[in-house]
Amino acid sequence: MKKINNMSDLEKKAIKVINGMLVVWPQSNKTERLEIMGMVPTLNGCYAVNNATVCVVNHDEVFVIPYMKEVMEVLQNNGFTEKHFYVPFSNWDYPKFEQKAWEDLRREAEEAWRNAFVDDCKKYCASKGIKAISDENMKKCFKMPEKGVEVEHIYFKTTYYPVINSTVLDCVAIDKLGTYNMNNGKVIFVYIDGKTYVTKGYKIIDELREAGYKEGELFVPFSNGEAIVDPFLKKKWDDIKK
């Protein structure tokens, strides 16, 4: 994704909202015309945020773009004022004839959020003396996918998710970064990138401790006889040697 450095970049990247453009509401299967002229005269130089979506009014034109750090930095650097007003495309609605462009923007923004989160995690860990561990040991670890891992047991069936499953470095994420736990020969840890990893055997513990990791209260997946349902993920886990 090309970096947004100024207002010109932002406006080129965003969806330009035209008065009367058709908007689809998938919840109700309705298509309506968007009326925005009433808000333009009084909101020049302002922006509003709703549900990770930003609406910007500049020189009597309206633009909508997904929330990203660089978008907010450009708005702040150019003296825009945050106000509360209607933000198109922020409640699952989308522009009928720009649907693909909008969906592509959302995907790019989500990728940007993930990358920014990883950078934030690494910076925080560096400030606390929490370091990377060897590539050799990392290759022996199973990375918990964001969508989770479905497992089944004789007594239950459930889905396990990463310890941190967001893109915001909040107090919850900070509390879990650089922590590990163990149970029945399995070890879970939250790495410097914010991702959750699980491995077999306790050999990795010494290196984790030397790298600044602390033991914490983390649930340890795959340590109570659960079987991974997805065959691809199951093979990845089964291939890990102690």
Protein backbone atom coordinates (compact mmCIF):
# COMPACT_ATOMS: atom_id res chain seq x y z
CA MET A 1 0.00 0.00 0.00
CA LYS A 2 1.38 3.41 -1.00
CA LYS A 3 2.01 5.55 2.06
CA ILE A 4 -0.27 8.54 2.62
CA ASN A 5 2.01 11.54 3.21
CA ASN A 6 -0.25 14.54 2.59
CA MET A 7 -3.80 15.64 1.83
CA SER A 8 -3.35 15.06 -1.88
CA ASP A 9 -2.39 11.43 -1.23
CA LEU A 10 -5.32 11.03 1.15
CA GLU A 11 -7.87 12.40 -1.30
CA LYS A 12 -6.54 10.25 -4.15
CA LYS A 13 -6.73 7.14 -1.98
CA ALA A 14 -10.13 7.81 -0.40
CA ILE A 15 -13.60 7.33 -1.83
CA LYS A 16 -14.95 10.71 -2.94
CA VAL A 17 -18.53 11.07 -1.77
CA ILE A 18 -20.84 12.67 -4.32
CA ASN A 19 -24.24 14.01 -3.36
CA GLY A 20 -26.88 11.57 -4.55
CA MET A 21 -24.50 8.62 -5.01
CA LEU A 22 -26.09 5.21 -4.47
CA VAL A 23 -25.33 3.42 -1.22
CA VAL A 24 -26.16 -0.22 -0.51
CA TRP A 25 -27.33 -1.35 2.94
CA PRO A 26 -26.83 -5.15 2.93
CA GLN A 27 -28.58 -5.58 6.30
CA SER A 28 -31.91 -4.53 4.78
CA ASN A 29 -31.07 -5.23 1.13
CA LYS A 30 -31.84 -1.60 0.29
CA THR A 31 -30.19 0.92 -2.01
CA GLU A 32 -30.53 4.60 -1.16
CA ARG A 33 -29.24 7.92 -2.44
CA LEU A 34 -26.79 9.64 -0.15
CA GLU A 35 -27.56 13.25 0.70
CA ILE A 36 -24.55 15.16 2.03
CA MET A 37 -24.97 18.75 0.86
CA GLY A 38 -26.39 19.85 4.19
CA MET A 39 -23.21 19.01 6.06
CA VAL A 40 -20.62 20.44 3.66
CA PRO A 41 -20.88 24.24 4.22
CA THR A 42 -20.31 24.11 7.98
CA LEU A 43 -17.77 21.27 8.19
CA ASN A 44 -14.89 22.32 5.96
CA GLY A 45 -11.62 21.45 7.68
CA CYS A 46 -13.29 18.85 9.89
CA TYR A 47 -13.35 15.08 10.15
CA ALA A 48 -15.36 12.45 12.01
CA VAL A 49 -14.58 8.85 12.96
CA ASN A 50 -17.00 5.95 13.36
CA ASN A 51 -16.34 2.20 13.37
CA ALA A 52 -12.77 2.55 12.07
CA THR A 53 -13.94 4.78 9.21
CA VAL A 54 -12.97 8.43 8.69
CA CYS A 55 -15.02 11.08 6.88
CA VAL A 56 -13.14 14.23 5.84
CA VAL A 57 -14.60 17.51 4.54
CA ASN A 58 -12.10 19.64 2.65
CA HIS A 59 -12.74 22.52 0.23
CA ASP A 60 -16.45 21.64 -0.02
CA GLU A 61 -15.65 18.03 -0.93
CA VAL A 62 -16.28 14.92 1.15
CA PHE A 63 -13.96 11.91 1.34
CA VAL A 64 -14.23 8.62 3.21
CA ILE A 65 -11.29 6.37 4.04
CA PRO A 66 -10.64 3.58 6.55
CA TYR A 67 -8.97 4.58 9.82
CA MET A 68 -5.18 4.36 9.68
CA LYS A 69 -2.44 5.99 11.73
CA GLU A 70 -1.02 7.80 8.73
CA VAL A 71 -4.46 9.18 7.83
CA MET A 72 -4.84 10.63 11.30
CA GLU A 73 -1.32 12.07 11.23
CA VAL A 74 -2.00 13.85 7.94
CA LEU A 75 -5.27 15.31 9.26
CA GLN A 76 -3.63 16.50 12.47
CA ASN A 77 -0.63 17.95 10.64
CA ASN A 78 -2.98 19.92 8.38
CA GLY A 79 -5.01 21.40 11.23
CA PHE A 80 -8.25 19.43 10.79
CA THR A 81 -10.68 19.42 13.71
CA GLU A 82 -12.49 16.32 14.91
CA LYS A 83 -16.27 16.68 15.17
CA HIS A 84 -19.24 14.36 15.44
CA PHE A 85 -21.20 13.96 12.22
CA TYR A 86 -22.45 11.27 9.85
CA VAL A 87 -19.74 8.97 8.45
CA PRO A 88 -20.79 7.16 5.26
CA PHE A 89 -19.81 3.49 4.84
CA SER A 90 -19.21 3.02 8.56
CA ASN A 91 -22.14 0.71 9.32
CA TRP A 92 -21.64 -2.04 6.73
CA ASP A 93 -23.07 0.19 3.99
CA TYR A 94 -20.96 0.68 0.88
CA PRO A 95 -20.96 2.75 -2.35
CA LYS A 96 -22.76 0.73 -5.02
CA PHE A 97 -20.48 1.56 -7.93
CA GLU A 98 -17.27 1.73 -5.88
CA GLN A 99 -17.82 -1.45 -3.87
CA LYS A 100 -14.61 -3.17 -4.99
CA ALA A 101 -12.52 -0.04 -4.45
CA TRP A 102 -13.97 0.31 -0.95
CA GLU A 103 -13.41 -3.36 -0.10
CA ASP A 104 -9.82 -3.12 -1.35
CA LEU A 105 -9.28 -0.06 0.83
CA ARG A 106 -10.63 -1.91 3.87
CA ARG A 107 -8.31 -4.85 3.25
CA GLU A 108 -5.32 -2.55 2.83
CA ALA A 109 -6.22 -0.76 6.05
CA GLU A 110 -6.53 -4.02 7.96
CA GLU A 111 -3.07 -5.03 6.74
CA ALA A 112 -1.72 -1.63 7.77
CA TRP A 113 -3.28 -2.06 11.25
CA ARG A 114 -1.65 -5.48 11.61
CA ASN A 115 1.76 -4.19 10.51
CA ALA A 116 1.54 -1.17 12.80
CA PHE A 117 0.55 -3.42 15.70
CA VAL A 118 3.56 -5.67 15.14
CA ASP A 119 5.83 -2.60 15.08
CA ASP A 120 4.25 -1.29 18.29
CA CYS A 121 4.72 -4.67 19.99
CA LYS A 122 8.37 -4.88 18.99
CA LYS A 123 9.08 -1.34 20.18
CA TYR A 124 7.40 -2.01 23.51
CA CYS A 125 9.28 -5.29 24.00
CA ALA A 126 12.59 -3.60 23.14
CA SER A 127 11.89 -0.94 25.77
CA LYS A 128 11.32 -3.68 28.36
CA GLY A 129 14.33 -5.80 27.42
CA ILE A 130 12.24 -8.59 25.89
CA LYS A 131 14.20 -10.03 22.99
CA ALA A 132 13.84 -12.37 20.03
CA ILE A 133 14.76 -16.02 20.39
CA SER A 134 16.70 -18.19 17.95
CA ASP A 135 15.31 -19.02 14.52
CA GLU A 136 16.05 -22.66 15.30
CA ASN A 137 13.59 -22.67 18.19
CA MET A 138 11.01 -20.54 16.38
CA LYS A 139 10.92 -23.10 13.56
CA LYS A 140 9.81 -25.67 16.14
CA CYS A 141 6.82 -23.57 17.19
CA PHE A 142 3.22 -23.55 16.01
CA LYS A 143 1.85 -20.05 15.36
CA MET A 144 -1.78 -19.73 16.44
CA PRO A 145 -3.76 -18.39 13.46
CA GLU A 146 -5.92 -15.30 13.93
CA LYS A 147 -9.03 -17.26 12.97
CA GLY A 148 -8.33 -19.76 15.71
CA VAL A 149 -7.83 -23.52 15.83
CA GLU A 150 -10.82 -25.80 16.18
CA VAL A 151 -10.14 -28.78 18.46
CA GLU A 152 -12.11 -31.72 19.71
CA HIS A 153 -11.85 -33.87 22.81
CA ILE A 154 -13.85 -36.77 24.14
CA TYR A 155 -15.59 -34.30 26.49
CA PHE A 156 -15.72 -31.09 24.46
CA LYS A 157 -15.28 -29.31 21.14
CA THR A 158 -14.06 -25.73 21.00
CA THR A 159 -11.85 -23.20 19.22
CA TYR A 160 -8.61 -21.80 20.62
CA TYR A 161 -7.51 -18.29 19.65
CA PRO A 162 -4.27 -16.30 20.00
CA VAL A 163 -3.74 -14.72 23.42
CA ILE A 164 -3.79 -11.27 21.78
CA ASN A 165 -6.34 -11.21 19.00
CA SER A 166 -6.53 -7.51 18.20
CA THR A 167 -4.49 -4.82 16.46
CA VAL A 168 -4.38 -2.41 19.38
CA LEU A 169 -1.51 -2.25 21.87
CA ASP A 170 -3.74 -1.66 24.88
CA CYS A 171 -3.27 -2.61 28.54
CA VAL A 172 -4.49 -6.16 27.86
CA ALA A 173 -1.91 -6.69 25.11
CA ILE A 174 0.88 -5.11 27.17
CA ASP A 175 0.07 -7.43 30.08
CA LYS A 176 0.52 -10.51 27.87
CA LEU A 177 3.51 -9.54 25.73
CA GLY A 178 6.66 -11.43 26.68
CA THR A 179 4.89 -14.01 28.86
CA TYR A 180 4.84 -17.81 28.72
CA ASN A 181 3.26 -20.78 30.47
CA MET A 182 3.55 -24.57 30.37
CA ASN A 183 1.38 -27.61 30.98
CA ASN A 184 1.78 -31.33 30.33
CA GLY A 185 4.85 -30.95 28.15
CA LYS A 186 3.53 -28.04 26.08
CA VAL A 187 4.64 -24.40 26.19
CA ILE A 188 2.77 -21.31 25.05
CA PHE A 189 4.34 -17.84 24.75
CA VAL A 190 3.44 -14.41 23.38
CA TYR A 191 6.32 -13.31 21.18
CA ILE A 192 7.75 -9.85 20.54
CA ASP A 193 5.55 -9.54 17.43
CA GLY A 194 2.38 -10.00 19.50
CA LYS A 195 1.72 -13.43 18.00
CA THR A 196 0.98 -16.54 20.06
CA TYR A 197 3.18 -19.61 19.67
CA VAL A 198 2.88 -23.12 21.09
CA THR A 199 5.58 -25.78 21.14
CA LYS A 200 6.34 -29.22 22.54
CA GLY A 201 8.77 -29.91 25.38
CA TYR A 202 10.38 -27.60 27.92
CA LYS A 203 13.75 -27.03 26.22
CA ILE A 204 12.64 -23.60 25.02
CA ILE A 205 12.00 -22.33 28.57
CA ASP A 206 15.63 -21.46 29.35
CA GLU A 207 15.97 -19.38 26.20
CA LEU A 208 12.67 -17.61 26.85
CA ARG A 209 13.81 -16.66 30.34
CA GLU A 210 17.19 -15.46 29.09
CA ALA A 211 15.37 -13.33 26.50
CA GLY A 212 13.35 -11.59 29.22
CA TYR A 213 10.10 -13.56 29.12
CA LYS A 214 8.17 -14.02 32.36
CA GLU A 215 5.88 -16.85 33.38
CA GLY A 216 2.25 -15.77 33.26
CA GLU A 217 -1.29 -17.05 33.59
CA LEU A 218 -1.86 -18.28 30.05
CA PHE A 219 -4.04 -21.18 28.99
CA VAL A 220 -1.94 -23.82 27.20
CA PRO A 221 -3.67 -25.24 24.09
CA PHE A 222 -3.17 -28.84 22.99
CA SER A 223 -1.99 -29.85 26.47
CA ASN A 224 -5.00 -31.89 27.56
CA GLY A 225 -5.38 -34.46 24.82
CA GLU A 226 -7.26 -32.25 22.35
CA ALA A 227 -7.03 -33.09 18.65
CA ILE A 228 -6.80 -30.39 15.98
CA VAL A 229 -9.68 -30.73 13.52
CA ASP A 230 -8.22 -29.02 10.45
CA PRO A 231 -5.92 -31.55 8.70
CA PHE A 232 -3.45 -28.89 7.46
CA LEU A 233 -3.03 -27.36 10.93
CA LYS A 234 -2.94 -30.80 12.52
CA LYS A 235 -0.04 -31.83 10.30
CA LYS A 236 1.87 -28.64 11.16
CA TRP A 237 1.44 -29.42 14.86
CA ASP A 238 2.22 -33.13 14.49
CA ASP A 239 5.42 -32.34 12.58
CA ILE A 240 6.85 -30.38 15.52
CA LYS A 241 9.40 -32.44 17.43
CA LYS A 242 10.37 -31.94 21.06
